[in-house]
Amino acid sequence: MNLFSEVYNSYYQILQSLLQYQGGFTLEDLKGRVKEQGFEESLIYLIPKLSSKEWSLCEKDGTHYISTLSDQFYIPLTALQKSYVKTILLDKRMQLFLDKEQREWLLSQLSDAEILWQECFFHYYDRFADGDNYDNPNYIACFRSLLSAIEQQCFVDIEYISKTNHRIHHHYLPARLEYSIKNDKFRLLAMEFTKNNRMRLEILNLDRIVKVSLMDKKPETAVDLNALIRGTYYKEPVRLLIHDKRNALERAMLQFANYDKNTTKLSEDIYECFIYYNEKQETELLIEVLSFGPMIKVVGNERFLGQLRKRLNRQMKRYSP
């Protein structure tokens, strides 16, 4: 297994849940479980490994794949795993999810583990320097309130500073929190009711939110927030061809993790990726695609290709002698 792709993220959890089940799965069952618990691209990585003898984790019995491990198997953390967990706990963004006492208790259990890296080890040449202040107590409080509201699917009262420096006060139904690697910022995807009682998608930067108050109000009927978000997408997704050299596929899946997408393998090192997006995501997606250079080829849609040409032409004029 590759150390930092299969072991330390959701793939590890997916494999553990599959291998502890002793009833066996058909190939379609395996695909369904992997897709449900992971991502669209998880099928590309996991299914060939599980359905073949490469990992020796399953045996084929007719049309079913049976785990070769007992349902009681237990895998203790290795020293390297403990070091990885400790390093992640020391990331300043972890205080958004864990309070001080929780972090200190976890770190005390890992006191003998060495950290793998420090923030000062990295230089981000393509990231903006004005990232969010994750040490700000008000920022932390707003973040946690939004997490709670998303879990409860309840409305929130948000005070927000607009780009024109005006204070805005609205009621929203939070849908999702996203992190932008390039901007080093979190943003909130939320639904706002319009005057005709329809819902529209709004994207708010966390660092502009002044106050979040949970309301004793929930939608009268269950709201499929993901479906509402998908309803804002352009009809035609961006179609990319990813040339998997210099680890481009893994980097692309990480870079585009916050988008709805569908990825399939076309040949030994060529993958097709459809990314679904809306107008508010378009500029950032353009920048992210361009950052891959020749490893990614955009073959559709025409709108995105047109925006891409305009951006490249502007850059050429800016830097031409």
Protein backbone atom coordinates (compact mmCIF):
# COMPACT_ATOMS: atom_id res chain seq x y z
CA MET A 1 0.00 0.00 0.00
CA ASN A 2 1.10 3.56 -0.64
CA LEU A 3 1.74 5.09 2.76
CA PHE A 4 -0.09 8.39 2.51
CA SER A 5 -2.94 7.58 0.12
CA GLU A 6 -4.41 4.28 1.26
CA VAL A 7 -3.41 4.07 4.93
CA TYR A 8 -4.04 7.53 6.28
CA ASN A 9 -7.30 8.62 4.70
CA SER A 10 -10.74 7.19 4.00
CA TYR A 11 -9.35 4.25 1.99
CA TYR A 12 -8.10 2.72 5.22
CA GLN A 13 -11.56 2.99 6.77
CA ILE A 14 -13.25 1.60 3.65
CA LEU A 15 -10.98 -1.45 3.59
CA GLN A 16 -11.43 -2.08 7.29
CA SER A 17 -15.26 -2.08 7.03
CA LEU A 18 -15.15 -4.38 3.99
CA LEU A 19 -12.67 -6.87 5.42
CA GLN A 20 -14.49 -7.20 8.75
CA TYR A 21 -17.63 -8.34 6.91
CA GLN A 22 -17.58 -12.10 6.45
CA GLY A 23 -20.63 -12.49 4.21
CA GLY A 24 -18.84 -11.77 0.96
CA PHE A 25 -19.53 -9.26 -1.80
CA THR A 26 -20.23 -9.45 -5.50
CA LEU A 27 -18.16 -7.12 -7.67
CA GLU A 28 -21.13 -4.76 -7.93
CA ASP A 29 -21.56 -4.82 -4.13
CA LEU A 30 -17.88 -3.92 -3.73
CA LYS A 31 -18.21 -1.03 -6.15
CA GLY A 32 -21.33 0.23 -4.37
CA ARG A 33 -19.72 0.09 -0.91
CA VAL A 34 -16.53 1.78 -2.06
CA LYS A 35 -18.42 4.54 -3.89
CA GLU A 36 -20.76 5.09 -0.93
CA GLN A 37 -17.98 5.39 1.64
CA GLY A 38 -15.34 7.05 -0.54
CA PHE A 39 -15.21 9.11 -3.70
CA GLU A 40 -15.89 8.58 -7.38
CA GLU A 41 -12.18 8.03 -8.04
CA SER A 42 -11.92 5.51 -5.19
CA LEU A 43 -13.19 2.88 -7.62
CA ILE A 44 -10.11 3.43 -9.79
CA TYR A 45 -7.71 2.71 -6.93
CA LEU A 46 -9.42 0.08 -4.80
CA ILE A 47 -11.50 -2.22 -6.99
CA PRO A 48 -8.59 -3.57 -9.13
CA LYS A 49 -6.58 -4.26 -5.95
CA LEU A 50 -9.46 -6.02 -4.16
CA SER A 51 -10.69 -8.06 -7.12
CA SER A 52 -7.20 -9.31 -8.01
CA LYS A 53 -4.63 -11.13 -5.89
CA GLU A 54 -2.36 -8.10 -5.64
CA TRP A 55 -3.23 -7.37 -1.99
CA SER A 56 -4.35 -10.93 -1.09
CA LEU A 57 -7.15 -9.50 1.05
CA CYS A 58 -10.02 -11.27 -0.71
CA GLU A 59 -10.58 -14.72 -2.18
CA LYS A 60 -13.03 -15.26 -5.00
CA ASP A 61 -15.72 -17.85 -4.33
CA GLY A 62 -17.89 -18.08 -7.43
CA THR A 63 -19.32 -14.61 -7.95
CA HIS A 64 -18.45 -13.42 -4.44
CA TYR A 65 -15.28 -12.00 -2.88
CA ILE A 66 -14.65 -13.21 0.68
CA SER A 67 -12.35 -11.51 3.18
CA THR A 68 -9.26 -13.55 4.02
CA LEU A 69 -9.15 -11.95 7.49
CA SER A 70 -11.11 -12.73 10.64
CA ASP A 71 -13.81 -10.21 11.61
CA GLN A 72 -11.94 -9.85 14.94
CA PHE A 73 -8.69 -8.64 13.43
CA TYR A 74 -7.15 -5.59 15.06
CA ILE A 75 -4.39 -3.42 13.69
CA PRO A 76 -2.49 -1.44 16.35
CA LEU A 77 -1.02 1.90 15.40
CA THR A 78 2.55 1.80 14.25
CA ALA A 79 5.13 4.30 15.48
CA LEU A 80 4.92 6.03 12.11
CA GLN A 81 1.13 6.26 12.32
CA LYS A 82 1.35 7.78 15.79
CA SER A 83 3.87 10.30 14.52
CA TYR A 84 1.54 11.19 11.65
CA VAL A 85 -1.45 11.68 13.98
CA LYS A 86 0.64 13.82 16.33
CA THR A 87 1.85 15.96 13.45
CA ILE A 88 -1.71 16.53 12.24
CA LEU A 89 -2.86 17.42 15.77
CA LEU A 90 -0.21 20.15 15.87
CA ASP A 91 -1.64 21.79 12.75
CA LYS A 92 -3.20 25.09 13.83
CA ARG A 93 -6.38 24.30 11.87
CA MET A 94 -7.11 21.36 14.18
CA GLN A 95 -8.23 23.80 16.89
CA LEU A 96 -11.25 24.50 14.70
CA PHE A 97 -12.45 20.94 15.28
CA LEU A 98 -11.05 20.05 18.73
CA ASP A 99 -11.04 22.18 21.86
CA LYS A 100 -7.88 22.76 23.87
CA GLU A 101 -8.56 19.96 26.38
CA GLN A 102 -9.22 17.39 23.64
CA ARG A 103 -6.05 18.26 21.76
CA GLU A 104 -3.92 18.22 24.91
CA TRP A 105 -5.29 14.83 25.97
CA LEU A 106 -4.63 13.31 22.56
CA LEU A 107 -1.14 14.78 22.45
CA SER A 108 -0.43 13.39 25.93
CA GLN A 109 -1.24 9.90 24.61
CA LEU A 110 1.31 10.47 21.85
CA SER A 111 4.03 12.01 24.00
CA ASP A 112 6.65 9.46 22.86
CA ALA A 113 5.92 9.94 19.16
CA GLU A 114 8.16 12.14 17.02
CA ILE A 115 6.62 14.70 14.70
CA LEU A 116 7.21 14.21 10.99
CA TRP A 117 7.32 17.84 9.88
CA GLN A 118 6.77 21.40 10.98
CA GLU A 119 5.01 24.25 9.21
CA CYS A 120 8.32 26.06 8.75
CA PHE A 121 9.58 23.19 6.58
CA PHE A 122 7.30 24.25 3.71
CA HIS A 123 7.37 27.18 1.33
CA TYR A 124 4.13 27.68 -0.62
CA TYR A 125 5.14 29.42 -3.83
CA ASP A 126 1.61 29.43 -5.32
CA ARG A 127 -0.49 30.29 -2.26
CA PHE A 128 -1.74 33.69 -1.16
CA ALA A 129 -0.11 35.04 1.99
CA ASP A 130 -3.29 36.51 3.57
CA GLY A 131 -4.78 33.22 4.81
CA ASP A 132 -7.33 33.01 7.61
CA ASN A 133 -6.27 33.66 11.20
CA TYR A 134 -6.94 30.27 12.78
CA ASP A 135 -5.89 31.52 16.22
CA ASN A 136 -8.66 34.12 16.35
CA PRO A 137 -11.12 33.05 19.13
CA ASN A 138 -14.07 34.60 17.28
CA TYR A 139 -13.13 32.79 14.06
CA ILE A 140 -12.97 29.49 15.97
CA ALA A 141 -16.35 30.15 17.65
CA CYS A 142 -18.02 30.97 14.31
CA PHE A 143 -16.52 27.89 12.67
CA ARG A 144 -17.77 25.55 15.39
CA SER A 145 -21.23 27.13 15.39
CA LEU A 146 -21.47 26.54 11.65
CA LEU A 147 -20.33 22.92 12.05
CA SER A 148 -23.07 22.40 14.62
CA ALA A 149 -25.69 24.04 12.39
CA ILE A 150 -24.70 21.87 9.41
CA GLU A 151 -25.00 18.75 11.57
CA GLN A 152 -28.43 19.80 12.91
CA GLN A 153 -29.60 21.29 9.58
CA CYS A 154 -30.84 24.40 11.34
CA PHE A 155 -30.84 28.03 10.24
CA VAL A 156 -28.26 30.52 11.47
CA ASP A 157 -28.24 34.28 11.86
CA ILE A 158 -25.00 35.59 10.32
CA GLU A 159 -23.42 39.01 10.51
CA TYR A 160 -20.99 39.40 7.63
CA ILE A 161 -18.66 42.07 6.26
CA SER A 162 -19.09 42.39 2.49
CA LYS A 163 -16.32 43.12 -0.02
CA THR A 164 -17.50 46.74 -0.04
CA ASN A 165 -16.96 46.82 3.74
CA HIS A 166 -20.68 46.92 4.57
CA ARG A 167 -22.12 44.86 7.40
CA ILE A 168 -24.71 42.39 6.13
CA HIS A 169 -27.23 40.58 8.31
CA HIS A 170 -29.07 37.52 6.90
CA HIS A 171 -30.52 34.16 7.81
CA TYR A 172 -28.92 31.17 6.08
CA LEU A 173 -29.20 27.42 6.01
CA PRO A 174 -25.54 26.21 6.10
CA ALA A 175 -24.73 23.45 3.63
CA ARG A 176 -20.98 22.86 3.61
CA LEU A 177 -17.63 24.19 4.77
CA GLU A 178 -14.85 24.10 2.18
CA TYR A 179 -11.13 24.77 2.42
CA SER A 180 -9.22 26.48 -0.39
CA ILE A 181 -5.60 25.32 -0.55
CA LYS A 182 -4.58 28.17 -2.84
CA ASN A 183 -6.13 30.87 -0.63
CA ASP A 184 -5.55 29.14 2.72
CA LYS A 185 -9.12 30.09 3.64
CA PHE A 186 -12.33 28.38 4.65
CA ARG A 187 -15.62 29.36 3.07
CA LEU A 188 -19.23 28.55 3.80
CA LEU A 189 -21.68 27.30 1.21
CA ALA A 190 -25.14 28.26 2.47
CA MET A 191 -28.68 28.58 1.15
CA GLU A 192 -30.57 31.85 1.47
CA PHE A 193 -34.30 32.33 0.92
CA THR A 194 -35.19 34.92 -1.72
CA LYS A 195 -38.27 37.15 -1.68
CA ASN A 196 -40.27 34.64 -3.74
CA ASN A 197 -39.42 31.96 -1.12
CA ARG A 198 -36.93 30.21 -3.35
CA MET A 199 -33.47 29.22 -2.17
CA ARG A 200 -30.22 30.40 -3.73
CA LEU A 201 -26.63 29.44 -3.07
CA GLU A 202 -24.35 31.93 -1.33
CA ILE A 203 -20.61 31.55 -0.67
CA LEU A 204 -19.23 33.41 2.37
CA ASN A 205 -15.59 33.67 3.41
CA LEU A 206 -15.21 32.63 7.04
CA ASP A 207 -12.81 35.46 7.84
CA ARG A 208 -15.53 38.00 6.94
CA ILE A 209 -18.11 36.50 9.29
CA VAL A 210 -18.46 38.57 12.46
CA LYS A 211 -21.02 36.54 14.36
CA VAL A 212 -22.98 33.29 14.01
CA SER A 213 -26.10 32.59 16.06
CA LEU A 214 -27.93 29.27 15.84
CA MET A 215 -31.68 29.72 15.39
CA ASP A 216 -34.48 27.59 16.72
CA LYS A 217 -35.68 27.07 13.19
CA LYS A 218 -35.39 24.20 10.75
CA PRO A 219 -36.79 23.68 7.25
CA GLU A 220 -40.44 22.58 7.33
CA THR A 221 -39.53 19.67 5.08
CA ALA A 222 -36.23 17.86 4.69
CA VAL A 223 -33.93 19.79 2.35
CA ASP A 224 -31.48 17.98 0.11
CA LEU A 225 -28.79 20.64 0.27
CA ASN A 226 -26.47 18.73 -2.05
CA ALA A 227 -29.22 18.58 -4.67
CA LEU A 228 -29.80 22.33 -4.32
CA ILE A 229 -26.09 22.96 -4.78
CA ARG A 230 -25.99 20.69 -7.82
CA GLY A 231 -28.91 22.70 -9.21
CA THR A 232 -26.62 25.76 -9.45
CA TYR A 233 -24.08 23.98 -11.67
CA TYR A 234 -23.74 24.69 -15.37
CA LYS A 235 -25.46 22.01 -17.43
CA GLU A 236 -22.18 20.91 -19.02
CA PRO A 237 -19.24 20.02 -16.74
CA VAL A 238 -15.59 20.69 -17.47
CA ARG A 239 -14.02 17.69 -19.19
CA LEU A 240 -10.35 17.12 -18.41
CA LEU A 241 -7.82 14.58 -19.62
CA ILE A 242 -5.23 13.93 -16.92
CA HIS A 243 -1.84 12.59 -18.00
CA ASP A 244 -0.68 10.67 -14.94
CA LYS A 245 2.95 11.69 -14.89
CA ARG A 246 4.75 13.24 -11.90
CA ASN A 247 1.91 11.97 -9.71
CA ALA A 248 -0.56 14.23 -11.55
CA LEU A 249 -3.64 12.08 -10.90
CA GLU A 250 -3.20 12.02 -7.13
CA ARG A 251 -2.41 15.73 -7.07
CA ALA A 252 -5.49 16.48 -9.19
CA MET A 253 -7.79 14.43 -6.97
CA LEU A 254 -6.50 16.35 -3.95
CA GLN A 255 -6.72 19.73 -5.70
CA PHE A 256 -10.27 19.12 -6.95
CA ALA A 257 -11.51 17.34 -3.81
CA ASN A 258 -14.12 20.02 -3.06
CA TYR A 259 -15.83 19.66 -6.46
CA ASP A 260 -18.42 17.12 -7.57
CA LYS A 261 -16.62 15.05 -10.16
CA ASN A 262 -16.50 11.74 -11.98
CA THR A 263 -13.19 10.14 -12.97
CA THR A 264 -12.56 7.11 -15.18
CA LYS A 265 -9.45 5.45 -16.56
CA LEU A 266 -9.11 5.60 -20.35
CA SER A 267 -5.68 4.00 -20.80
CA GLU A 268 -2.56 3.10 -18.86
CA ASP A 269 -1.77 6.69 -17.86
CA ILE A 270 -4.69 8.78 -19.17
CA TYR A 271 -7.75 9.54 -17.02
CA GLU A 272 -10.92 11.41 -17.92
CA CYS A 273 -12.37 13.70 -15.25
CA PHE A 274 -15.69 15.57 -15.39
CA ILE A 275 -15.93 18.43 -12.88
CA TYR A 276 -19.29 20.04 -12.09
CA TYR A 277 -19.19 23.70 -11.08
CA ASN A 278 -21.13 26.97 -10.98
CA GLU A 279 -20.36 30.58 -11.84
CA LYS A 280 -18.99 31.41 -8.38
CA GLN A 281 -16.48 28.55 -8.59
CA GLU A 282 -15.37 29.25 -12.15
CA THR A 283 -12.43 31.61 -11.58
CA GLU A 284 -10.79 29.46 -8.91
CA LEU A 285 -11.28 26.33 -10.99
CA LEU A 286 -9.58 28.06 -13.93
CA ILE A 287 -6.56 28.91 -11.79
CA GLU A 288 -6.38 25.39 -10.35
CA VAL A 289 -6.53 23.75 -13.80
CA LEU A 290 -3.84 26.06 -15.17
CA SER A 291 -1.52 25.20 -12.28
CA PHE A 292 -1.10 21.65 -13.68
CA GLY A 293 0.41 22.82 -16.95
CA PRO A 294 0.69 20.12 -19.65
CA MET A 295 -0.36 17.33 -17.28
CA ILE A 296 -4.02 18.34 -17.77
CA LYS A 297 -5.73 18.99 -21.11
CA VAL A 298 -9.10 20.75 -21.16
CA VAL A 299 -11.34 19.31 -23.90
CA GLY A 300 -14.68 20.81 -22.88
CA ASN A 301 -16.94 22.61 -22.27
CA GLU A 302 -16.86 25.53 -24.69
CA ARG A 303 -17.66 28.10 -22.02
CA PHE A 304 -14.75 27.00 -19.84
CA LEU A 305 -12.42 26.77 -22.85
CA GLY A 306 -13.38 30.32 -23.81
CA GLN A 307 -12.62 31.61 -20.31
CA LEU A 308 -9.35 29.68 -20.35
CA ARG A 309 -8.26 31.26 -23.66
CA LYS A 310 -9.11 34.76 -22.41
CA ARG A 311 -7.07 34.23 -19.25
CA LEU A 312 -4.07 32.87 -21.16
CA ASN A 313 -4.24 35.74 -23.67
CA ARG A 314 -4.24 38.28 -20.84
CA GLN A 315 -1.19 36.63 -19.30
CA MET A 316 0.64 36.55 -22.64
CA LYS A 317 -0.02 40.27 -23.21
CA ARG A 318 1.06 41.14 -19.69
CA TYR A 319 4.42 39.40 -19.99
CA SER A 320 5.18 39.95 -23.66
CA PRO A 321 7.99 42.49 -24.40
